[in-house]
Amino acid sequence: MSSHCHSLVPCLRLIYSKHRRSLIGSWKTDHIIPENPNIPAIAKYFTTTGRYEEVNPYLIEDILAVNRSMLQPPSAQCRQIHLTAIIRHGTRYPTTQSIKKMQKVYDLVRSRASGKESWLREIQTQWTMWYTEDMDGRLVQKGVNDLKHLSVRLSKLFPSLISEQKLRGGHIKFITSSKHRCVNSTLSFKAGLTELWDIKDREFDHAVNDALMRFPRWCTRFVQEDNHNLSAVEEDDKFMQGPEMRRVQEKIANRLRVPYSNITHDMAESAFDLCAFEFAIKAVNSPWCRLFDEDDAKVMEYASDLREFWKRGHGYNIKSKSSCILFHDVFCRLNKSASENKSGQQVTEAVTVQVGHASTLLPLLTLLGFFKDNDTLTSTNYANQTERSFRTSHMLPFAANLLLVLYDCGGGDLRLQPLLNEKPVTFPGLTDQQASMPLYRDVREHYRELLQGCDFETECQLFKQPADV
């Protein structure tokens, strides 16, 4: 996207006009994008620090492109009656902890590395450590744009739900975590709509609900047990000390011409973060990226996935169960919408936009059974996991989103379609002919045990005050 559109004040309408043709479905998600020298070759391995555009490459050419034909309801009479969108915040700065580690690897390269390669000279003489600790995970301008663009795209995908009339009528609700990056992402999502429709005469409220959108912090049992999650610690430590990671560290040391002992796995991860954040925030193919080839990036991705798997995914049952509160909240809202629709009333909450974190979305996806491979991710089976579905680079880039769309197809036939990052997915375990848009009653039956159980207080031993972590 050109630099003159970064302010996005009048630009959403300008872009919409310019790209109107693609907004009605001329793009396909498998559109082939030519190789771009400004995009690191390893960008698709950046895990939770990856750009949303790497998950949907067609957006690189047209950031507002949508393809409504992918929704594919079973009949033309199906109409959308409710949408729940659970969204991760947009692109952010690194956290203070990450920035401290980045400073260490930067200082090492400046003081100890030798060689005449142009990329190394660029780091040593031109690149300046510009990250400061007070940035601490705050939303960047790219993150503002992420949510503005997402809101416009969703308004094109679901025009009967995300409309000016619904917004003005109070039928679109906004809920957010209290963290600044989430609040600002929520404000950005709303701004995308008000700028698109040129609404200047009013503002729209949002609710802050940490118990719902930052539930891991309120789950006392998780907070207590997370510090004693030996499986996560052991698997992470073993992989970090294993042959794959050791080889990456040695290759980095060779490229910098420093002793092997100078490059720890923390150093390797920080250099990888520098490459990823420079690209995510500034859209530059940083010289830091030259420290890694594709094989190295795959190892770095697996190290991150392994950690997420054991801390927030299928390897750690308590963490997914901590999302019971969000799970029940979603289905309560779907039930209410279904009931209002059945009785002939207008659905009062046509759209719910809920903005949280990767640690909000991943446990919910896990609880619902998504991305569960036959083989468990471990420190010793890296070579066998090349085709794994549990890949955070695909699941959880900045602005990742889970969409649940409820349809009325007539005759009491309600259907529910899940989409992840604007692409249809299938509820695990449902094999109906309309698996991508199953009957809502079949979805409820499939998750019956969770709907009847999965009590947040029982699972988390919730106290009145959130844990201080």
Protein backbone atom coordinates (compact mmCIF):
# COMPACT_ATOMS: atom_id res chain seq x y z
CA MET A 1 0.00 0.00 0.00
CA SER A 2 1.38 3.41 -0.93
CA SER A 3 2.73 5.67 1.78
CA HIS A 4 0.22 8.48 1.11
CA CYS A 5 -2.55 6.27 2.49
CA HIS A 6 -1.02 5.71 5.92
CA SER A 7 -3.20 8.36 7.54
CA LEU A 8 -6.30 6.51 6.28
CA VAL A 9 -8.56 9.44 7.11
CA PRO A 10 -10.16 9.75 3.66
CA CYS A 11 -8.20 6.89 2.14
CA LEU A 12 -10.50 3.98 2.91
CA ARG A 13 -13.15 5.46 0.65
CA LEU A 14 -10.52 6.26 -1.99
CA ILE A 15 -9.15 2.69 -1.92
CA TYR A 16 -12.64 1.21 -1.93
CA SER A 17 -13.48 3.18 -5.04
CA LYS A 18 -10.20 2.25 -6.73
CA HIS A 19 -10.55 -1.47 -6.01
CA ARG A 20 -14.32 -1.88 -6.20
CA ARG A 21 -14.10 -4.74 -8.69
CA SER A 22 -12.08 -6.97 -6.36
CA LEU A 23 -14.44 -6.26 -3.46
CA ILE A 24 -17.24 -8.15 -5.17
CA GLY A 25 -15.29 -11.35 -5.41
CA SER A 26 -12.83 -11.37 -8.27
CA TRP A 27 -9.96 -12.51 -6.05
CA LYS A 28 -9.22 -16.08 -5.09
CA THR A 29 -7.27 -17.07 -2.02
CA ASP A 30 -4.84 -19.13 -4.11
CA HIS A 31 -3.91 -16.13 -6.27
CA ILE A 32 -0.22 -16.41 -7.07
CA ILE A 33 1.83 -13.38 -6.01
CA PRO A 34 5.15 -12.89 -7.83
CA GLU A 35 8.27 -12.99 -5.70
CA ASN A 36 8.90 -9.64 -4.08
CA PRO A 37 12.47 -8.70 -3.06
CA ASN A 38 11.03 -6.47 -0.34
CA ILE A 39 9.50 -9.49 1.39
CA PRO A 40 11.92 -11.74 3.30
CA ALA A 41 12.01 -15.25 1.86
CA ILE A 42 11.45 -16.51 5.41
CA ALA A 43 8.43 -14.29 6.16
CA LYS A 44 5.99 -17.21 6.12
CA TYR A 45 7.72 -18.66 9.21
CA PHE A 46 7.34 -15.64 11.52
CA THR A 47 4.76 -17.35 13.80
CA THR A 48 2.81 -14.92 16.01
CA THR A 49 4.90 -11.95 14.85
CA GLY A 50 3.92 -12.51 11.23
CA ARG A 51 1.97 -10.16 8.98
CA TYR A 52 -1.64 -10.97 8.18
CA GLU A 53 -0.76 -10.57 4.50
CA GLU A 54 1.47 -13.65 4.60
CA VAL A 55 -1.58 -15.73 5.54
CA ASN A 56 -3.64 -14.11 2.75
CA PRO A 57 -1.08 -13.13 0.07
CA TYR A 58 -3.69 -11.68 -2.29
CA LEU A 59 -3.98 -8.76 0.16
CA ILE A 60 -0.44 -7.67 -0.76
CA GLU A 61 -1.76 -6.37 -4.07
CA ASP A 62 -5.16 -5.23 -2.84
CA ILE A 63 -5.54 -4.81 0.93
CA LEU A 64 -9.34 -4.59 0.65
CA ALA A 65 -9.88 -7.62 -1.59
CA VAL A 66 -12.57 -10.11 -0.61
CA ASN A 67 -14.13 -13.13 -2.24
CA ARG A 68 -17.74 -13.54 -1.15
CA SER A 69 -18.18 -16.69 -3.25
CA MET A 70 -16.14 -18.65 -0.69
CA LEU A 71 -19.01 -18.37 1.81
CA GLN A 72 -21.10 -20.78 -0.29
CA PRO A 73 -24.37 -21.18 1.66
CA PRO A 74 -26.27 -24.36 0.73
CA SER A 75 -29.13 -22.42 -0.85
CA ALA A 76 -29.81 -18.95 -2.17
CA GLN A 77 -32.42 -18.33 0.52
CA CYS A 78 -29.87 -18.58 3.33
CA ARG A 79 -29.42 -15.22 5.05
CA GLN A 80 -26.88 -14.15 7.64
CA ILE A 81 -28.45 -13.34 11.02
CA HIS A 82 -25.46 -13.05 13.36
CA LEU A 83 -21.68 -12.73 13.27
CA THR A 84 -19.26 -13.15 16.16
CA ALA A 85 -15.71 -12.02 15.36
CA ILE A 86 -12.97 -12.85 17.85
CA ILE A 87 -9.93 -10.87 16.75
CA ARG A 88 -6.34 -10.65 17.85
CA HIS A 89 -4.93 -7.11 18.11
CA GLY A 90 -3.01 -5.66 15.18
CA THR A 91 0.73 -5.34 14.65
CA ARG A 92 2.53 -4.14 17.76
CA TYR A 93 5.98 -3.22 18.97
CA PRO A 94 8.04 -5.92 20.72
CA THR A 95 7.58 -6.21 24.48
CA THR A 96 10.10 -4.74 26.91
CA GLN A 97 11.52 -8.20 27.61
CA SER A 98 12.07 -8.85 23.90
CA ILE A 99 13.64 -5.44 23.36
CA LYS A 100 16.19 -6.06 26.12
CA LYS A 101 17.21 -9.30 24.39
CA MET A 102 17.36 -7.59 21.00
CA GLN A 103 19.75 -5.02 22.45
CA LYS A 104 22.12 -7.79 23.49
CA VAL A 105 22.34 -9.39 20.06
CA TYR A 106 22.69 -5.94 18.45
CA ASP A 107 25.57 -5.07 20.77
CA LEU A 108 27.25 -8.40 19.97
CA VAL A 109 27.03 -7.85 16.22
CA ARG A 110 28.29 -4.29 16.49
CA SER A 111 31.25 -5.15 18.72
CA ARG A 112 32.29 -8.69 17.80
CA ALA A 113 31.15 -9.61 14.30
CA SER A 114 33.60 -9.39 11.40
CA GLY A 115 33.28 -9.77 7.68
CA LYS A 116 32.83 -7.68 4.57
CA GLU A 117 29.32 -8.75 3.53
CA SER A 118 27.17 -5.75 2.67
CA TRP A 119 24.31 -6.83 4.92
CA LEU A 120 26.66 -7.16 7.89
CA ARG A 121 28.18 -3.75 7.25
CA GLU A 122 24.66 -2.35 7.04
CA ILE A 123 23.82 -3.65 10.52
CA GLN A 124 27.08 -2.37 11.94
CA THR A 125 27.20 1.06 10.32
CA GLN A 126 23.69 2.01 9.18
CA TRP A 127 21.09 0.12 11.21
CA THR A 128 20.37 1.72 14.58
CA MET A 129 18.70 0.03 17.53
CA TRP A 130 15.54 2.14 17.51
CA TYR A 131 13.34 -0.01 19.74
CA THR A 132 12.99 1.42 23.24
CA GLU A 133 11.68 -0.34 26.32
CA ASP A 134 8.75 2.04 26.74
CA MET A 135 7.29 0.77 23.44
CA ASP A 136 6.36 -2.42 25.34
CA GLY A 137 3.96 -4.10 22.94
CA ARG A 138 2.01 -1.01 21.95
CA LEU A 139 0.04 -0.89 18.71
CA VAL A 140 1.94 0.57 15.76
CA GLN A 141 0.50 2.42 12.76
CA LYS A 142 0.51 -0.82 10.77
CA GLY A 143 -1.62 -2.33 13.54
CA VAL A 144 -4.09 0.54 13.26
CA ASN A 145 -4.29 -0.13 9.53
CA ASP A 146 -4.66 -3.89 10.11
CA LEU A 147 -7.92 -3.40 11.99
CA LYS A 148 -9.26 -0.61 9.78
CA HIS A 149 -8.75 -2.72 6.69
CA LEU A 150 -10.21 -5.79 8.36
CA SER A 151 -13.38 -3.92 9.33
CA VAL A 152 -13.87 -2.73 5.75
CA ARG A 153 -13.30 -6.21 4.33
CA LEU A 154 -15.77 -7.74 6.77
CA SER A 155 -18.35 -5.12 5.87
CA LYS A 156 -18.02 -6.30 2.25
CA LEU A 157 -18.19 -9.98 3.18
CA PHE A 158 -21.21 -9.51 5.43
CA PRO A 159 -22.99 -6.37 4.15
CA SER A 160 -26.36 -7.23 5.68
CA LEU A 161 -24.79 -7.49 9.15
CA ILE A 162 -21.95 -4.98 9.20
CA SER A 163 -23.84 -2.00 7.84
CA GLU A 164 -24.22 1.65 8.72
CA GLN A 165 -27.82 1.01 9.72
CA LYS A 166 -26.83 -1.79 12.11
CA LEU A 167 -24.03 0.30 13.60
CA ARG A 168 -26.22 3.35 14.15
CA GLY A 169 -28.99 1.16 15.52
CA GLY A 170 -26.77 -0.27 18.26
CA HIS A 171 -26.81 -3.79 16.82
CA ILE A 172 -23.00 -4.05 16.58
CA LYS A 173 -21.29 -4.56 19.95
CA PHE A 174 -17.60 -4.14 20.74
CA ILE A 175 -15.75 -5.88 23.59
CA THR A 176 -12.02 -5.62 24.28
CA SER A 177 -9.23 -6.58 26.63
CA SER A 178 -7.99 -3.66 28.72
CA LYS A 179 -4.49 -3.82 27.21
CA HIS A 180 -3.68 -0.70 25.25
CA ARG A 181 -2.96 -2.60 22.01
CA CYS A 182 -6.42 -4.21 22.16
CA VAL A 183 -8.30 -1.02 23.06
CA ASN A 184 -6.53 0.81 20.24
CA SER A 185 -7.27 -2.08 17.86
CA THR A 186 -10.95 -1.82 18.79
CA LEU A 187 -10.91 1.93 18.19
CA SER A 188 -9.23 1.28 14.83
CA PHE A 189 -11.87 -1.29 13.81
CA LYS A 190 -14.63 1.20 14.61
CA ALA A 191 -12.75 3.98 12.80
CA GLY A 192 -12.54 1.84 9.69
CA LEU A 193 -16.35 1.69 9.57
CA THR A 194 -17.04 5.31 10.49
CA GLU A 195 -14.53 6.52 7.90
CA LEU A 196 -15.96 4.20 5.26
CA TRP A 197 -19.47 5.51 5.86
CA ASP A 198 -18.34 9.06 6.64
CA ILE A 199 -19.99 9.04 10.07
CA LYS A 200 -18.98 12.21 11.91
CA ASP A 201 -22.02 12.96 14.05
CA ARG A 202 -21.55 10.32 16.76
CA GLU A 203 -19.21 7.85 18.44
CA PHE A 204 -19.78 4.22 19.34
CA ASP A 205 -19.02 2.67 22.69
CA HIS A 206 -17.03 -0.42 23.53
CA ALA A 207 -16.91 -2.51 26.69
CA VAL A 208 -13.71 -3.58 28.46
CA ASN A 209 -13.98 -7.14 29.77
CA ASP A 210 -10.74 -8.78 30.90
CA ALA A 211 -12.47 -11.79 32.43
CA LEU A 212 -13.68 -12.62 28.92
CA MET A 213 -10.83 -11.40 26.69
CA ARG A 214 -7.85 -11.97 29.01
CA PHE A 215 -9.20 -15.05 30.77
CA PRO A 216 -5.78 -16.68 31.32
CA ARG A 217 -4.94 -13.88 33.76
CA TRP A 218 -8.15 -14.59 35.69
CA CYS A 219 -7.69 -18.35 35.74
CA THR A 220 -5.99 -18.86 39.10
CA ARG A 221 -5.37 -22.53 38.51
CA PHE A 222 -3.68 -21.84 35.21
CA VAL A 223 -1.50 -19.09 36.64
CA GLN A 224 -0.41 -21.35 39.48
CA GLU A 225 0.13 -24.44 37.35
CA ASP A 226 1.74 -22.61 34.45
CA ASN A 227 4.82 -22.01 36.58
CA HIS A 228 4.97 -25.76 37.23
CA ASN A 229 4.13 -26.94 33.72
CA LEU A 230 7.10 -29.28 33.54
CA SER A 231 6.17 -30.72 30.15
CA ALA A 232 6.29 -27.29 28.54
CA VAL A 233 9.59 -26.41 30.18
CA GLU A 234 11.18 -29.78 29.44
CA GLU A 235 10.14 -29.93 25.78
CA ASP A 236 11.21 -26.34 25.20
CA ASP A 237 14.57 -26.80 26.94
CA LYS A 238 15.31 -30.07 25.16
CA PHE A 239 14.63 -28.59 21.74
CA MET A 240 16.68 -25.50 22.51
CA GLN A 241 19.60 -27.77 23.45
CA GLY A 242 18.94 -30.19 20.59
CA PRO A 243 20.77 -30.68 17.29
CA GLU A 244 18.43 -28.61 15.11
CA MET A 245 18.70 -25.47 17.20
CA ARG A 246 22.40 -25.98 17.81
CA ARG A 247 22.97 -26.12 14.06
CA VAL A 248 21.09 -22.82 13.59
CA GLN A 249 23.24 -21.17 16.27
CA GLU A 250 26.42 -22.46 14.65
CA LYS A 251 25.37 -21.15 11.24
CA ILE A 252 24.64 -17.72 12.70
CA ALA A 253 28.04 -17.74 14.43
CA ASN A 254 29.71 -18.69 11.13
CA ARG A 255 27.95 -15.86 9.30
CA LEU A 256 29.05 -13.36 11.96
CA ARG A 257 32.50 -14.94 12.36
CA VAL A 258 32.20 -15.16 16.12
CA PRO A 259 32.84 -18.14 18.45
CA TYR A 260 29.98 -20.63 18.70
CA SER A 261 29.72 -19.92 22.41
CA ASN A 262 28.70 -16.32 21.68
CA ILE A 263 25.41 -17.34 20.06
CA THR A 264 22.88 -18.70 22.53
CA HIS A 265 19.39 -19.82 21.56
CA ASP A 266 18.11 -16.57 23.09
CA MET A 267 20.43 -14.68 20.75
CA ALA A 268 19.12 -16.65 17.77
CA GLU A 269 15.51 -15.96 18.75
CA SER A 270 16.18 -12.25 19.24
CA ALA A 271 17.84 -11.94 15.83
CA PHE A 272 14.87 -13.75 14.29
CA ASP A 273 12.55 -11.32 16.11
CA LEU A 274 14.48 -8.37 14.73
CA CYS A 275 13.99 -9.68 11.21
CA ALA A 276 10.27 -10.32 11.83
CA PHE A 277 9.44 -7.03 13.55
CA GLU A 278 11.34 -4.90 11.06
CA PHE A 279 9.20 -6.47 8.37
CA ALA A 280 5.91 -6.41 10.28
CA ILE A 281 6.25 -2.80 11.42
CA LYS A 282 8.21 -1.14 8.60
CA ALA A 283 7.66 -3.55 5.68
CA VAL A 284 11.42 -3.78 5.11
CA ASN A 285 13.51 -6.79 4.26
CA SER A 286 15.99 -6.16 7.05
CA PRO A 287 19.67 -7.16 6.93
CA TRP A 288 18.92 -9.15 10.09
CA CYS A 289 17.02 -11.58 7.88
CA ARG A 290 20.30 -12.54 6.19
CA LEU A 291 21.29 -14.41 9.34
CA PHE A 292 18.74 -17.11 8.49
CA ASP A 293 18.06 -19.34 5.53
CA GLU A 294 14.78 -21.20 5.04
CA ASP A 295 15.93 -24.29 6.93
CA ASP A 296 16.91 -22.11 9.88
CA ALA A 297 13.54 -20.33 9.79
CA LYS A 298 11.68 -23.64 9.89
CA VAL A 299 13.57 -24.58 13.04
CA MET A 300 12.84 -21.21 14.62
CA GLU A 301 9.17 -21.59 13.74
CA TYR A 302 9.04 -25.07 15.25
CA ALA A 303 10.68 -23.84 18.46
CA SER A 304 7.92 -21.25 18.84
CA ASP A 305 5.16 -23.68 17.89
CA LEU A 306 6.46 -26.24 20.37
CA ARG A 307 6.31 -23.64 23.14
CA GLU A 308 2.80 -22.54 22.17
CA PHE A 309 1.62 -26.14 21.86
CA TRP A 310 2.67 -26.98 25.41
CA LYS A 311 1.73 -23.68 27.02
CA ARG A 312 -1.52 -22.75 25.24
CA GLY A 313 -2.42 -25.55 22.85
CA HIS A 314 -3.24 -29.24 22.80
CA GLY A 315 -0.31 -30.14 25.03
CA TYR A 316 -1.80 -28.32 28.03
CA ASN A 317 -5.43 -29.11 28.82
CA ILE A 318 -5.85 -26.50 31.57
CA LYS A 319 -5.09 -23.63 29.22
CA SER A 320 -7.73 -24.64 26.69
CA LYS A 321 -10.24 -25.23 29.50
CA SER A 322 -9.56 -21.72 30.76
CA SER A 323 -11.33 -20.55 27.58
CA CYS A 324 -14.61 -22.09 28.79
CA ILE A 325 -15.85 -18.63 29.73
CA LEU A 326 -15.37 -17.36 26.16
CA PHE A 327 -16.74 -20.59 24.67
CA HIS A 328 -19.96 -20.30 26.68
CA ASP A 329 -20.24 -16.59 25.97
CA VAL A 330 -20.08 -17.24 22.22
CA PHE A 331 -22.69 -20.01 22.29
CA CYS A 332 -24.97 -18.05 24.63
CA ARG A 333 -24.97 -15.24 22.07
CA LEU A 334 -25.57 -17.64 19.18
CA ASN A 335 -28.48 -19.24 21.09
CA LYS A 336 -30.01 -15.84 21.79
CA SER A 337 -29.74 -14.84 18.15
CA ALA A 338 -31.29 -18.14 17.05
CA SER A 339 -34.15 -17.73 19.55
CA GLU A 340 -34.90 -14.14 18.53
CA ASN A 341 -34.84 -15.11 14.88
CA LYS A 342 -37.15 -18.07 15.46
CA SER A 343 -39.71 -15.88 17.20
CA GLY A 344 -39.67 -13.40 14.34
CA GLN A 345 -37.88 -10.67 16.25
CA GLN A 346 -34.98 -8.64 14.95
CA VAL A 347 -31.71 -10.06 16.21
CA THR A 348 -30.65 -7.49 18.79
CA GLU A 349 -26.93 -8.22 18.57
CA ALA A 350 -26.31 -8.75 14.88
CA VAL A 351 -22.53 -8.49 15.24
CA THR A 352 -20.19 -8.89 18.18
CA VAL A 353 -16.58 -7.80 17.72
CA GLN A 354 -14.30 -9.09 20.49
CA VAL A 355 -10.65 -8.02 20.50
CA GLY A 356 -8.05 -9.90 22.52
CA HIS A 357 -4.70 -11.61 22.27
CA ALA A 358 -3.05 -14.68 20.76
CA SER A 359 -3.50 -16.15 24.24
CA THR A 360 -7.25 -15.50 23.86
CA LEU A 361 -7.65 -17.07 20.46
CA LEU A 362 -5.35 -20.11 20.64
CA PRO A 363 -6.96 -21.74 23.73
CA LEU A 364 -10.41 -21.30 22.16
CA LEU A 365 -9.28 -22.85 18.86
CA THR A 366 -7.77 -25.68 20.91
CA LEU A 367 -10.94 -26.21 22.94
CA LEU A 368 -12.94 -26.40 19.70
CA GLY A 369 -10.51 -29.06 18.44
CA PHE A 370 -8.90 -27.18 15.58
CA PHE A 371 -5.35 -27.96 14.40
CA LYS A 372 -4.95 -31.16 16.38
CA ASP A 373 -2.40 -33.41 14.67
CA ASN A 374 -2.19 -37.16 15.04
CA ASP A 375 1.29 -36.88 16.52
CA THR A 376 2.10 -34.71 19.50
CA LEU A 377 4.72 -32.03 18.97
CA THR A 378 7.82 -32.93 20.95
CA SER A 379 11.45 -31.90 21.17
CA THR A 380 12.54 -35.00 19.26
CA ASN A 381 10.14 -35.29 16.33
CA TYR A 382 10.87 -32.10 14.42
CA ALA A 383 11.68 -34.04 11.24
CA ASN A 384 8.29 -35.75 11.31
CA GLN A 385 6.29 -32.54 11.78
CA THR A 386 6.87 -30.83 8.45
CA GLU A 387 3.20 -31.31 7.49
CA ARG A 388 1.73 -30.45 10.90
CA SER A 389 -1.45 -28.40 11.01
CA PHE A 390 -0.50 -26.74 14.31
CA ARG A 391 1.44 -23.87 12.78
CA THR A 392 1.06 -20.49 14.45
CA SER A 393 2.41 -18.73 11.35
CA HIS A 394 -0.83 -19.74 9.63
CA MET A 395 -3.14 -19.54 12.64
CA LEU A 396 -2.11 -16.51 14.65
CA PRO A 397 -0.54 -13.65 12.70
CA PHE A 398 -1.23 -10.12 13.87
CA ALA A 399 -4.98 -9.37 13.45
CA ALA A 400 -5.83 -13.10 13.32
CA ASN A 401 -9.56 -13.71 13.60
CA LEU A 402 -12.11 -16.44 14.17
CA LEU A 403 -15.48 -15.65 12.59
CA LEU A 404 -18.66 -17.57 13.43
CA VAL A 405 -21.55 -16.77 11.09
CA LEU A 406 -25.08 -17.94 11.85
CA TYR A 407 -27.41 -18.40 8.86
CA ASP A 408 -31.15 -18.92 8.59
CA CYS A 409 -31.75 -21.10 5.53
CA GLY A 410 -35.53 -21.33 5.98
CA GLY A 411 -37.80 -23.87 7.59
CA GLY A 412 -35.97 -23.71 10.89
CA ASP A 413 -32.73 -24.70 9.16
CA LEU A 414 -30.03 -22.77 11.02
CA ARG A 415 -26.42 -23.23 9.97
CA LEU A 416 -23.12 -22.06 11.44
CA GLN A 417 -20.04 -21.29 9.37
CA PRO A 418 -16.59 -20.90 10.96
CA LEU A 419 -13.88 -18.91 9.20
CA LEU A 420 -10.31 -18.43 10.34
CA ASN A 421 -8.51 -15.41 8.97
CA GLU A 422 -11.34 -14.89 6.48
CA LYS A 423 -11.11 -18.43 5.08
CA PRO A 424 -13.70 -21.16 5.70
CA VAL A 425 -12.62 -23.97 7.99
CA THR A 426 -14.41 -27.12 9.11
CA PHE A 427 -15.41 -27.91 12.66
CA PRO A 428 -13.24 -30.90 13.66
CA GLY A 429 -15.23 -34.11 13.83
CA LEU A 430 -18.19 -32.91 11.76
CA THR A 431 -18.50 -34.80 8.50
CA ASP A 432 -21.86 -33.54 7.25
CA GLN A 433 -22.18 -32.91 3.52
CA GLN A 434 -22.29 -29.24 4.40
CA ALA A 435 -19.26 -29.60 6.70
CA SER A 436 -18.11 -26.04 6.10
CA MET A 437 -21.56 -24.77 7.11
CA PRO A 438 -23.15 -27.49 9.28
CA LEU A 439 -26.55 -27.38 10.93
CA TYR A 440 -26.34 -25.37 14.12
CA ARG A 441 -28.02 -28.16 16.08
CA ASP A 442 -25.30 -30.58 14.88
CA VAL A 443 -22.61 -28.17 16.09
CA ARG A 444 -24.30 -27.94 19.48
CA GLU A 445 -24.58 -31.72 19.67
CA HIS A 446 -20.92 -32.09 18.74
CA TYR A 447 -19.89 -29.81 21.62
CA ARG A 448 -22.61 -31.06 23.98
CA GLU A 449 -20.22 -32.11 26.73
CA LEU A 450 -18.50 -28.75 26.71
CA LEU A 451 -21.82 -26.91 26.66
CA GLN A 452 -23.07 -28.91 29.62
CA GLY A 453 -19.78 -28.75 31.49
CA CYS A 454 -16.59 -26.78 31.01
CA ASP A 455 -17.39 -24.48 33.90
CA PHE A 456 -14.88 -21.65 34.23
CA GLU A 457 -14.98 -21.47 38.02
CA THR A 458 -14.52 -25.23 38.36
CA GLU A 459 -11.73 -25.41 35.81
CA CYS A 460 -9.91 -22.32 37.05
CA GLN A 461 -10.79 -22.16 40.75
CA LEU A 462 -11.60 -18.52 40.14
CA PHE A 463 -10.96 -16.07 42.93
CA LYS A 464 -12.45 -12.58 43.12
CA GLN A 465 -9.27 -10.82 42.09
CA PRO A 466 -7.24 -11.63 38.98
CA ALA A 467 -3.87 -13.23 39.53
CA ASP A 468 -0.99 -10.77 39.52
CA VAL A 469 1.31 -12.14 36.85
